[in-house]
Amino acid sequence: GMVALSHASEHKKAFETILGSRRELICQRLDELAHVFSYQKPEGAYYVFPKIIMPHENSRAFAIKLLNEAKVTVTPGSAFGPSGEHHVRMAYCVDEGTINRAFDRIGTCFPA
């Protein structure tokens, strides 16, 4: 592990570039849903943890609603402990097409 972290690698740089691009995309798409979510831009993760700001029962019920109505999976924030309640975890380790398709569906489920 130490060697992998301490030596230059084109693979690491390429992965960093790809995840950076996907992070920008998911943040852009979250900005379009400012009536549903607020968030802090992630700095070193492959996921974002937006707060649900629209009326909802809890993060689990919200995640189930997204699954049933938008066909989009997110992880309820409550799975990460009490301070995660009213948040969801959205991973951006998937391709851009998947991110866009998910946000198109979420936008249809929660129009402005």
N, C-alpha and C. Protein backbone atom coordinates (compact mmCIF):
# COMPACT_ATOMS: atom_id res chain seq x y z
N GLY A 1 0.80 -1.17 0.00
CA GLY A 1 0.00 0.00 0.00
C GLY A 1 0.86 1.26 0.00
N MET A 2 1.94 1.25 0.79
CA MET A 2 2.81 2.44 0.87
C MET A 2 3.44 2.74 -0.48
N VAL A 3 3.84 1.72 -1.20
CA VAL A 3 4.45 1.91 -2.52
C VAL A 3 3.44 2.54 -3.47
N ALA A 4 2.22 2.03 -3.43
CA ALA A 4 1.18 2.56 -4.33
C ALA A 4 0.90 4.03 -4.05
N LEU A 5 0.97 4.43 -2.79
CA LEU A 5 0.68 5.81 -2.44
C LEU A 5 1.87 6.74 -2.66
N SER A 6 3.07 6.20 -2.59
CA SER A 6 4.26 7.05 -2.64
C SER A 6 4.89 7.18 -4.02
N HIS A 7 4.47 6.39 -4.98
CA HIS A 7 5.04 6.46 -6.32
C HIS A 7 4.02 6.99 -7.33
N ALA A 8 4.52 7.75 -8.26
CA ALA A 8 3.66 8.30 -9.31
C ALA A 8 3.06 7.17 -10.14
N SER A 9 1.85 7.41 -10.59
CA SER A 9 1.17 6.41 -11.40
C SER A 9 0.18 7.12 -12.32
N GLU A 10 0.23 6.77 -13.57
CA GLU A 10 -0.72 7.34 -14.52
C GLU A 10 -2.14 6.90 -14.18
N HIS A 11 -2.27 5.70 -13.62
CA HIS A 11 -3.60 5.21 -13.25
C HIS A 11 -4.23 6.07 -12.16
N LYS A 12 -3.45 6.44 -11.17
CA LYS A 12 -3.98 7.28 -10.09
C LYS A 12 -4.41 8.63 -10.63
N LYS A 13 -3.59 9.22 -11.48
CA LYS A 13 -3.90 10.54 -12.05
C LYS A 13 -5.16 10.47 -12.92
N ALA A 14 -5.26 9.43 -13.73
CA ALA A 14 -6.45 9.26 -14.58
C ALA A 14 -7.70 9.07 -13.73
N PHE A 15 -7.59 8.28 -12.68
CA PHE A 15 -8.73 8.04 -11.79
C PHE A 15 -9.14 9.33 -11.09
N GLU A 16 -8.16 10.11 -10.66
CA GLU A 16 -8.43 11.39 -10.01
C GLU A 16 -9.15 12.35 -10.97
N THR A 17 -8.72 12.37 -12.21
CA THR A 17 -9.33 13.23 -13.22
C THR A 17 -10.78 12.81 -13.48
N ILE A 18 -11.00 11.51 -13.62
CA ILE A 18 -12.35 11.00 -13.89
C ILE A 18 -13.28 11.32 -12.72
N LEU A 19 -12.83 11.02 -11.50
CA LEU A 19 -13.68 11.29 -10.34
C LEU A 19 -13.92 12.78 -10.16
N GLY A 20 -12.93 13.61 -10.47
CA GLY A 20 -13.10 15.05 -10.39
C GLY A 20 -14.17 15.53 -11.35
N SER A 21 -14.16 15.01 -12.54
CA SER A 21 -15.16 15.37 -13.54
C SER A 21 -16.56 14.93 -13.10
N ARG A 22 -16.65 13.74 -12.55
CA ARG A 22 -17.95 13.23 -12.08
C ARG A 22 -18.43 14.02 -10.87
N ARG A 23 -17.51 14.43 -10.00
CA ARG A 23 -17.88 15.26 -8.85
C ARG A 23 -18.48 16.58 -9.34
N GLU A 24 -17.84 17.18 -10.33
CA GLU A 24 -18.37 18.44 -10.88
C GLU A 24 -19.76 18.22 -11.47
N LEU A 25 -19.95 17.13 -12.17
CA LEU A 25 -21.24 16.83 -12.77
C LEU A 25 -22.32 16.65 -11.71
N ILE A 26 -22.04 15.86 -10.69
CA ILE A 26 -23.07 15.59 -9.67
C ILE A 26 -23.38 16.87 -8.90
N CYS A 27 -22.39 17.72 -8.67
CA CYS A 27 -22.65 19.00 -8.00
C CYS A 27 -23.49 19.91 -8.88
N GLN A 28 -23.20 19.94 -10.16
CA GLN A 28 -24.00 20.73 -11.10
C GLN A 28 -25.45 20.25 -11.09
N ARG A 29 -25.63 18.95 -11.11
CA ARG A 29 -26.99 18.39 -11.11
C ARG A 29 -27.70 18.64 -9.78
N LEU A 30 -26.97 18.59 -8.67
CA LEU A 30 -27.56 18.93 -7.37
C LEU A 30 -27.97 20.39 -7.32
N ASP A 31 -27.17 21.27 -7.93
CA ASP A 31 -27.52 22.69 -7.98
C ASP A 31 -28.87 22.91 -8.68
N GLU A 32 -29.17 22.06 -9.65
CA GLU A 32 -30.44 22.16 -10.36
C GLU A 32 -31.62 21.71 -9.50
N LEU A 33 -31.32 21.03 -8.40
CA LEU A 33 -32.36 20.55 -7.49
C LEU A 33 -32.23 21.22 -6.13
N ALA A 34 -31.93 22.50 -6.14
CA ALA A 34 -31.72 23.24 -4.89
C ALA A 34 -32.99 23.30 -4.04
N HIS A 35 -34.14 23.02 -4.62
CA HIS A 35 -35.38 22.96 -3.85
C HIS A 35 -35.55 21.62 -3.12
N VAL A 36 -34.70 20.66 -3.44
CA VAL A 36 -34.76 19.33 -2.82
C VAL A 36 -33.58 19.10 -1.88
N PHE A 37 -32.38 19.50 -2.31
CA PHE A 37 -31.16 19.19 -1.57
C PHE A 37 -30.29 20.43 -1.34
N SER A 38 -29.56 20.41 -0.24
CA SER A 38 -28.43 21.32 -0.05
C SER A 38 -27.22 20.43 0.24
N TYR A 39 -26.02 20.90 -0.07
CA TYR A 39 -24.85 20.03 0.08
C TYR A 39 -23.58 20.84 0.22
N GLN A 40 -22.56 20.18 0.70
CA GLN A 40 -21.20 20.70 0.69
C GLN A 40 -20.45 19.93 -0.40
N LYS A 41 -19.72 20.62 -1.21
CA LYS A 41 -18.96 19.96 -2.27
C LYS A 41 -17.91 19.05 -1.65
N PRO A 42 -17.90 17.77 -2.03
CA PRO A 42 -16.90 16.85 -1.46
C PRO A 42 -15.50 17.22 -1.92
N GLU A 43 -14.54 16.96 -1.05
CA GLU A 43 -13.15 17.27 -1.40
C GLU A 43 -12.32 16.03 -1.70
N GLY A 44 -12.60 14.92 -1.04
CA GLY A 44 -11.74 13.77 -1.25
C GLY A 44 -12.46 12.44 -1.27
N ALA A 45 -13.74 12.45 -1.47
CA ALA A 45 -14.52 11.21 -1.47
C ALA A 45 -15.02 10.92 -2.88
N TYR A 46 -15.70 9.82 -3.03
CA TYR A 46 -16.33 9.48 -4.31
C TYR A 46 -17.85 9.50 -4.15
N TYR A 47 -18.31 10.23 -3.17
CA TYR A 47 -19.73 10.38 -2.94
C TYR A 47 -20.01 11.77 -2.38
N VAL A 48 -21.29 12.16 -2.46
CA VAL A 48 -21.75 13.41 -1.87
C VAL A 48 -22.85 13.04 -0.88
N PHE A 49 -23.04 13.85 0.14
CA PHE A 49 -23.96 13.53 1.23
C PHE A 49 -24.95 14.70 1.41
N PRO A 50 -25.81 14.93 0.41
CA PRO A 50 -26.69 16.09 0.49
C PRO A 50 -27.76 15.96 1.56
N LYS A 51 -28.13 17.11 2.11
CA LYS A 51 -29.22 17.19 3.08
C LYS A 51 -30.53 17.34 2.30
N ILE A 52 -31.53 16.62 2.73
CA ILE A 52 -32.86 16.71 2.11
C ILE A 52 -33.55 17.92 2.75
N ILE A 53 -33.85 18.94 1.96
CA ILE A 53 -34.44 20.15 2.53
C ILE A 53 -35.93 20.28 2.24
N MET A 54 -36.44 19.44 1.36
CA MET A 54 -37.88 19.47 1.12
C MET A 54 -38.58 18.66 2.21
N PRO A 55 -39.87 18.88 2.41
CA PRO A 55 -40.58 18.10 3.44
C PRO A 55 -40.46 16.60 3.17
N HIS A 56 -40.14 15.85 4.22
CA HIS A 56 -40.00 14.40 4.13
C HIS A 56 -40.11 13.82 5.53
N GLU A 57 -40.40 12.54 5.59
CA GLU A 57 -40.54 11.87 6.89
C GLU A 57 -39.17 11.59 7.50
N ASN A 58 -38.32 10.88 6.76
CA ASN A 58 -36.97 10.56 7.20
C ASN A 58 -36.17 10.11 5.98
N SER A 59 -34.88 9.93 6.15
CA SER A 59 -34.03 9.61 4.99
C SER A 59 -34.35 8.25 4.40
N ARG A 60 -34.76 7.31 5.23
CA ARG A 60 -35.10 5.98 4.71
C ARG A 60 -36.34 6.06 3.83
N ALA A 61 -37.38 6.72 4.31
CA ALA A 61 -38.60 6.87 3.52
C ALA A 61 -38.33 7.64 2.23
N PHE A 62 -37.47 8.65 2.31
CA PHE A 62 -37.13 9.43 1.11
C PHE A 62 -36.40 8.54 0.10
N ALA A 63 -35.46 7.73 0.57
CA ALA A 63 -34.72 6.83 -0.32
C ALA A 63 -35.66 5.81 -0.97
N ILE A 64 -36.61 5.31 -0.22
CA ILE A 64 -37.57 4.35 -0.77
C ILE A 64 -38.46 5.04 -1.81
N LYS A 65 -38.84 6.28 -1.55
CA LYS A 65 -39.64 7.04 -2.53
C LYS A 65 -38.85 7.20 -3.83
N LEU A 66 -37.56 7.55 -3.72
CA LEU A 66 -36.74 7.67 -4.93
C LEU A 66 -36.66 6.35 -5.68
N LEU A 67 -36.51 5.27 -4.93
CA LEU A 67 -36.42 3.95 -5.56
C LEU A 67 -37.72 3.60 -6.28
N ASN A 68 -38.83 3.77 -5.60
CA ASN A 68 -40.13 3.37 -6.16
C ASN A 68 -40.61 4.29 -7.27
N GLU A 69 -40.42 5.60 -7.10
CA GLU A 69 -40.98 6.55 -8.05
C GLU A 69 -40.02 6.98 -9.15
N ALA A 70 -38.72 7.11 -8.81
CA ALA A 70 -37.75 7.58 -9.80
C ALA A 70 -36.86 6.46 -10.31
N LYS A 71 -36.92 5.30 -9.64
CA LYS A 71 -36.06 4.15 -10.00
C LYS A 71 -34.58 4.52 -9.84
N VAL A 72 -34.28 5.26 -8.76
CA VAL A 72 -32.92 5.70 -8.44
C VAL A 72 -32.60 5.22 -7.03
N THR A 73 -31.43 4.63 -6.86
CA THR A 73 -31.03 4.18 -5.54
C THR A 73 -30.03 5.16 -4.92
N VAL A 74 -30.28 5.48 -3.67
CA VAL A 74 -29.38 6.24 -2.82
C VAL A 74 -29.35 5.53 -1.48
N THR A 75 -28.36 5.83 -0.67
CA THR A 75 -28.29 5.24 0.66
C THR A 75 -28.84 6.25 1.66
N PRO A 76 -29.81 5.84 2.48
CA PRO A 76 -30.32 6.77 3.49
C PRO A 76 -29.20 7.19 4.43
N GLY A 77 -29.16 8.45 4.77
CA GLY A 77 -28.14 8.95 5.68
C GLY A 77 -28.20 8.32 7.05
N SER A 78 -29.37 7.89 7.46
CA SER A 78 -29.51 7.25 8.77
C SER A 78 -28.68 5.98 8.88
N ALA A 79 -28.30 5.38 7.77
CA ALA A 79 -27.46 4.19 7.80
C ALA A 79 -26.07 4.50 8.35
N PHE A 80 -25.71 5.79 8.42
CA PHE A 80 -24.40 6.21 8.89
C PHE A 80 -24.46 6.80 10.30
N GLY A 81 -25.59 6.60 10.97
CA GLY A 81 -25.73 7.07 12.34
C GLY A 81 -26.73 8.20 12.43
N PRO A 82 -27.05 8.59 13.68
CA PRO A 82 -28.08 9.62 13.90
C PRO A 82 -27.79 10.95 13.21
N SER A 83 -26.54 11.35 13.11
CA SER A 83 -26.23 12.64 12.48
C SER A 83 -26.42 12.59 10.96
N GLY A 84 -26.58 11.40 10.39
CA GLY A 84 -26.83 11.26 8.96
C GLY A 84 -28.29 11.39 8.57
N GLU A 85 -29.17 11.36 9.57
CA GLU A 85 -30.59 11.48 9.28
C GLU A 85 -30.85 12.79 8.51
N HIS A 86 -31.80 12.72 7.60
CA HIS A 86 -32.20 13.84 6.72
C HIS A 86 -31.14 14.12 5.64
N HIS A 87 -30.29 13.15 5.38
CA HIS A 87 -29.32 13.20 4.28
C HIS A 87 -29.45 11.91 3.48
N VAL A 88 -28.88 11.90 2.30
CA VAL A 88 -28.71 10.67 1.52
C VAL A 88 -27.28 10.65 0.98
N ARG A 89 -26.79 9.47 0.74
CA ARG A 89 -25.46 9.33 0.15
C ARG A 89 -25.64 8.99 -1.32
N MET A 90 -24.98 9.77 -2.17
CA MET A 90 -25.01 9.56 -3.62
C MET A 90 -23.58 9.35 -4.09
N ALA A 91 -23.30 8.18 -4.61
CA ALA A 91 -21.96 7.87 -5.10
C ALA A 91 -21.80 8.35 -6.53
N TYR A 92 -20.60 8.85 -6.84
CA TYR A 92 -20.31 9.24 -8.22
C TYR A 92 -19.17 8.42 -8.79
N CYS A 93 -19.09 7.17 -8.34
CA CYS A 93 -18.11 6.23 -8.91
C CYS A 93 -18.73 5.47 -10.08
N VAL A 94 -19.82 6.03 -10.61
CA VAL A 94 -20.49 5.46 -11.78
C VAL A 94 -20.27 6.41 -12.96
N ASP A 95 -20.56 5.95 -14.15
CA ASP A 95 -20.29 6.77 -15.34
C ASP A 95 -21.24 7.96 -15.43
N GLU A 96 -20.86 8.93 -16.23
CA GLU A 96 -21.61 10.17 -16.38
C GLU A 96 -23.03 9.93 -16.87
N GLY A 97 -23.21 8.98 -17.76
CA GLY A 97 -24.55 8.68 -18.27
C GLY A 97 -25.47 8.22 -17.16
N THR A 98 -24.96 7.43 -16.25
CA THR A 98 -25.75 6.94 -15.11
C THR A 98 -26.10 8.10 -14.19
N ILE A 99 -25.14 8.98 -13.92
CA ILE A 99 -25.41 10.16 -13.08
C ILE A 99 -26.49 11.02 -13.71
N ASN A 100 -26.36 11.32 -14.99
CA ASN A 100 -27.35 12.17 -15.67
C ASN A 100 -28.73 11.51 -15.71
N ARG A 101 -28.78 10.22 -15.98
CA ARG A 101 -30.05 9.51 -16.02
C ARG A 101 -30.73 9.55 -14.64
N ALA A 102 -29.95 9.34 -13.60
CA ALA A 102 -30.50 9.37 -12.24
C ALA A 102 -31.07 10.75 -11.91
N PHE A 103 -30.32 11.79 -12.23
CA PHE A 103 -30.78 13.14 -11.90
C PHE A 103 -31.95 13.58 -12.80
N ASP A 104 -31.99 13.11 -14.03
CA ASP A 104 -33.17 13.38 -14.87
C ASP A 104 -34.40 12.79 -14.21
N ARG A 105 -34.28 11.57 -13.70
CA ARG A 105 -35.40 10.90 -13.04
C ARG A 105 -35.78 11.59 -11.74
N ILE A 106 -34.78 11.99 -10.95
CA ILE A 106 -35.07 12.70 -9.69
C ILE A 106 -35.79 14.01 -9.99
N GLY A 107 -35.32 14.72 -11.02
CA GLY A 107 -35.96 15.97 -11.40
C GLY A 107 -37.41 15.79 -11.82
N THR A 108 -37.71 14.69 -12.48
CA THR A 108 -39.09 14.39 -12.87
C THR A 108 -39.94 14.09 -11.63
N CYS A 109 -39.34 13.44 -10.66
CA CYS A 109 -40.04 13.09 -9.42
C CYS A 109 -40.30 14.32 -8.55
N PHE A 110 -39.37 15.27 -8.58
CA PHE A 110 -39.47 16.49 -7.75
C PHE A 110 -39.29 17.74 -8.61
N PRO A 111 -40.28 18.04 -9.46
CA PRO A 111 -40.14 19.22 -10.33
C PRO A 111 -40.09 20.51 -9.50
N ALA A 112 -39.41 21.50 -10.06
CA ALA A 112 -39.28 22.80 -9.36
C ALA A 112 -40.59 23.53 -9.28
